[in-house]
């Protein structure tokens, strides 16, 4: 997956997150972002990576997001890996 495809998936995931009344506040609280900051920075690849990191913390969130958007479940992780900071670290 290239970074452009990853950003498209992450933006769709951000829209899903914003529409989710329960998770929106949790994400804003944990990220320290205001709603205005979130909207102003929505196109930044680093912020999009943090959105995917947040959703990927809970399998039920991944399932709900992917079901809502029509994505295979592995797409969020693949997108995260294509954004800054998402490369897997190999310690061997």
C-alpha atoms as a PDB file:
ATOM      1  CA  UNK A   1       0.000   0.000   0.000  1.00  0.00           C
ATOM      2  CA  UNK A   2       1.380   3.419  -0.868  1.00  0.00           C
ATOM      3  CA  UNK A   3       1.128   6.516   1.314  1.00  0.00           C
ATOM      4  CA  UNK A   4      -1.648   8.070  -0.792  1.00  0.00           C
ATOM      5  CA  UNK A   5      -3.883   5.006  -0.383  1.00  0.00           C
ATOM      6  CA  UNK A   6      -3.019   4.927   3.320  1.00  0.00           C
ATOM      7  CA  UNK A   7      -4.022   8.563   3.740  1.00  0.00           C
ATOM      8  CA  UNK A   8      -7.359   7.922   2.026  1.00  0.00           C
ATOM      9  CA  UNK A   9      -8.075   5.019   4.385  1.00  0.00           C
ATOM     10  CA  UNK A  10      -6.947   7.052   7.398  1.00  0.00           C
ATOM     11  CA  UNK A  11      -9.138  10.021   6.416  1.00  0.00           C
ATOM     12  CA  UNK A  12     -12.145   7.746   6.051  1.00  0.00           C
ATOM     13  CA  UNK A  13     -11.295   6.259   9.445  1.00  0.00           C
ATOM     14  CA  UNK A  14     -11.050   9.750  10.920  1.00  0.00           C
ATOM     15  CA  UNK A  15     -14.513  10.556   9.558  1.00  0.00           C
ATOM     16  CA  UNK A  16     -15.816   7.348  11.148  1.00  0.00           C
ATOM     17  CA  UNK A  17     -14.166   8.291  14.440  1.00  0.00           C
ATOM     18  CA  UNK A  18     -15.583  11.822  14.414  1.00  0.00           C
ATOM     19  CA  UNK A  19     -19.072  10.454  13.748  1.00  0.00           C
ATOM     20  CA  UNK A  20     -18.772   8.045  16.693  1.00  0.00           C
ATOM     21  CA  UNK A  21     -20.092   9.982  19.700  1.00  0.00           C
ATOM     22  CA  UNK A  22     -18.532   7.602  22.233  1.00  0.00           C
ATOM     23  CA  UNK A  23     -15.029   7.440  20.741  1.00  0.00           C
ATOM     24  CA  UNK A  24     -14.646  11.020  19.507  1.00  0.00           C
ATOM     25  CA  UNK A  25     -14.318  12.413  23.039  1.00  0.00           C
ATOM     26  CA  UNK A  26     -11.966   9.641  24.117  1.00  0.00           C
ATOM     27  CA  UNK A  27      -9.700  10.306  21.136  1.00  0.00           C
ATOM     28  CA  UNK A  28      -9.699  14.067  21.686  1.00  0.00           C
ATOM     29  CA  UNK A  29      -8.973  13.604  25.384  1.00  0.00           C
ATOM     30  CA  UNK A  30      -6.166  11.134  24.845  1.00  0.00           C
ATOM     31  CA  UNK A  31      -4.577  13.126  22.028  1.00  0.00           C
ATOM     32  CA  UNK A  32      -4.915  16.522  23.702  1.00  0.00           C
ATOM     33  CA  UNK A  33      -6.402  17.941  20.510  1.00  0.00           C
ATOM     34  CA  UNK A  34      -9.322  20.320  20.408  1.00  0.00           C
ATOM     35  CA  UNK A  35     -11.952  19.778  17.713  1.00  0.00           C
ATOM     36  CA  UNK A  36     -10.537  22.828  15.922  1.00  0.00           C
ATOM     37  CA  UNK A  37      -6.984  21.439  16.059  1.00  0.00           C
ATOM     38  CA  UNK A  38      -8.216  18.139  14.701  1.00  0.00           C
ATOM     39  CA  UNK A  39      -9.930  19.776  11.747  1.00  0.00           C
ATOM     40  CA  UNK A  40      -6.934  22.026  11.016  1.00  0.00           C
ATOM     41  CA  UNK A  41      -4.487  19.111  11.051  1.00  0.00           C
ATOM     42  CA  UNK A  42      -6.663  16.397   9.514  1.00  0.00           C
ATOM     43  CA  UNK A  43      -4.551  16.104   6.367  1.00  0.00           C
ATOM     44  CA  UNK A  44      -1.220  15.672   8.195  1.00  0.00           C
ATOM     45  CA  UNK A  45       0.121  12.129   7.729  1.00  0.00           C
ATOM     46  CA  UNK A  46       1.420  12.059  11.327  1.00  0.00           C
ATOM     47  CA  UNK A  47      -2.015  12.885  12.710  1.00  0.00           C
ATOM     48  CA  UNK A  48      -3.643  10.319  10.450  1.00  0.00           C
ATOM     49  CA  UNK A  49      -1.196   7.755  11.814  1.00  0.00           C
ATOM     50  CA  UNK A  50      -2.275   8.606  15.346  1.00  0.00           C
ATOM     51  CA  UNK A  51      -5.931   8.159  14.354  1.00  0.00           C
ATOM     52  CA  UNK A  52      -5.152   4.669  13.081  1.00  0.00           C
ATOM     53  CA  UNK A  53      -3.034   3.918  16.170  1.00  0.00           C
ATOM     54  CA  UNK A  54      -6.016   4.845  18.331  1.00  0.00           C
ATOM     55  CA  UNK A  55      -8.514   2.702  16.414  1.00  0.00           C
ATOM     56  CA  UNK A  56      -6.063  -0.209  16.294  1.00  0.00           C
ATOM     57  CA  UNK A  57      -5.935  -0.288  20.108  1.00  0.00           C
ATOM     58  CA  UNK A  58      -9.224  -2.198  20.252  1.00  0.00           C
ATOM     59  CA  UNK A  59     -10.290  -5.038  17.972  1.00  0.00           C
ATOM     60  CA  UNK A  60     -13.962  -4.097  18.302  1.00  0.00           C
ATOM     61  CA  UNK A  61     -13.172  -0.587  17.064  1.00  0.00           C
ATOM     62  CA  UNK A  62     -11.293  -2.033  14.081  1.00  0.00           C
ATOM     63  CA  UNK A  63     -14.211  -4.326  13.245  1.00  0.00           C
ATOM     64  CA  UNK A  64     -16.767  -1.536  13.617  1.00  0.00           C
ATOM     65  CA  UNK A  65     -14.732   0.932  11.550  1.00  0.00           C
ATOM     66  CA  UNK A  66     -13.959  -1.550   8.775  1.00  0.00           C
ATOM     67  CA  UNK A  67     -17.525  -2.876   8.657  1.00  0.00           C
ATOM     68  CA  UNK A  68     -18.827   0.669   8.414  1.00  0.00           C
ATOM     69  CA  UNK A  69     -16.373   1.632   5.670  1.00  0.00           C
ATOM     70  CA  UNK A  70     -16.457  -1.674   3.795  1.00  0.00           C
ATOM     71  CA  UNK A  71     -12.745  -2.381   4.288  1.00  0.00           C
ATOM     72  CA  UNK A  72     -11.098  -5.729   4.986  1.00  0.00           C
ATOM     73  CA  UNK A  73      -9.987  -5.782   8.633  1.00  0.00           C
ATOM     74  CA  UNK A  74      -6.296  -5.821   7.771  1.00  0.00           C
ATOM     75  CA  UNK A  75      -6.510  -2.558   5.784  1.00  0.00           C
ATOM     76  CA  UNK A  76      -6.156  -0.340   8.843  1.00  0.00           C
ATOM     77  CA  UNK A  77      -2.898  -2.002   9.893  1.00  0.00           C
ATOM     78  CA  UNK A  78      -1.581  -1.941   6.323  1.00  0.00           C
ATOM     79  CA  UNK A  79      -2.450   1.754   6.065  1.00  0.00           C
ATOM     80  CA  UNK A  80      -0.765   2.459   9.395  1.00  0.00           C
ATOM     81  CA  UNK A  81       2.416   0.797   8.206  1.00  0.00           C
ATOM     82  CA  UNK A  82       2.492   3.089   5.142  1.00  0.00           C
ATOM     83  CA  UNK A  83       2.252   6.301   7.175  1.00  0.00           C
ATOM     84  CA  UNK A  84       5.090   8.007   9.089  1.00  0.00           C
ATOM     85  CA  UNK A  85       6.061   6.099  12.208  1.00  0.00           C
ATOM     86  CA  UNK A  86       4.207   2.964  11.203  1.00  0.00           C
ATOM     87  CA  UNK A  87       7.070   0.853   9.979  1.00  0.00           C
ATOM     88  CA  UNK A  88       7.466  -2.363  11.896  1.00  0.00           C
ATOM     89  CA  UNK A  89      10.579  -2.548  14.008  1.00  0.00           C
ATOM     90  CA  UNK A  90      12.604  -5.721  13.719  1.00  0.00           C
ATOM     91  CA  UNK A  91      14.827  -6.226  16.757  1.00  0.00           C
ATOM     92  CA  UNK A  92      16.741  -9.215  15.434  1.00  0.00           C
END
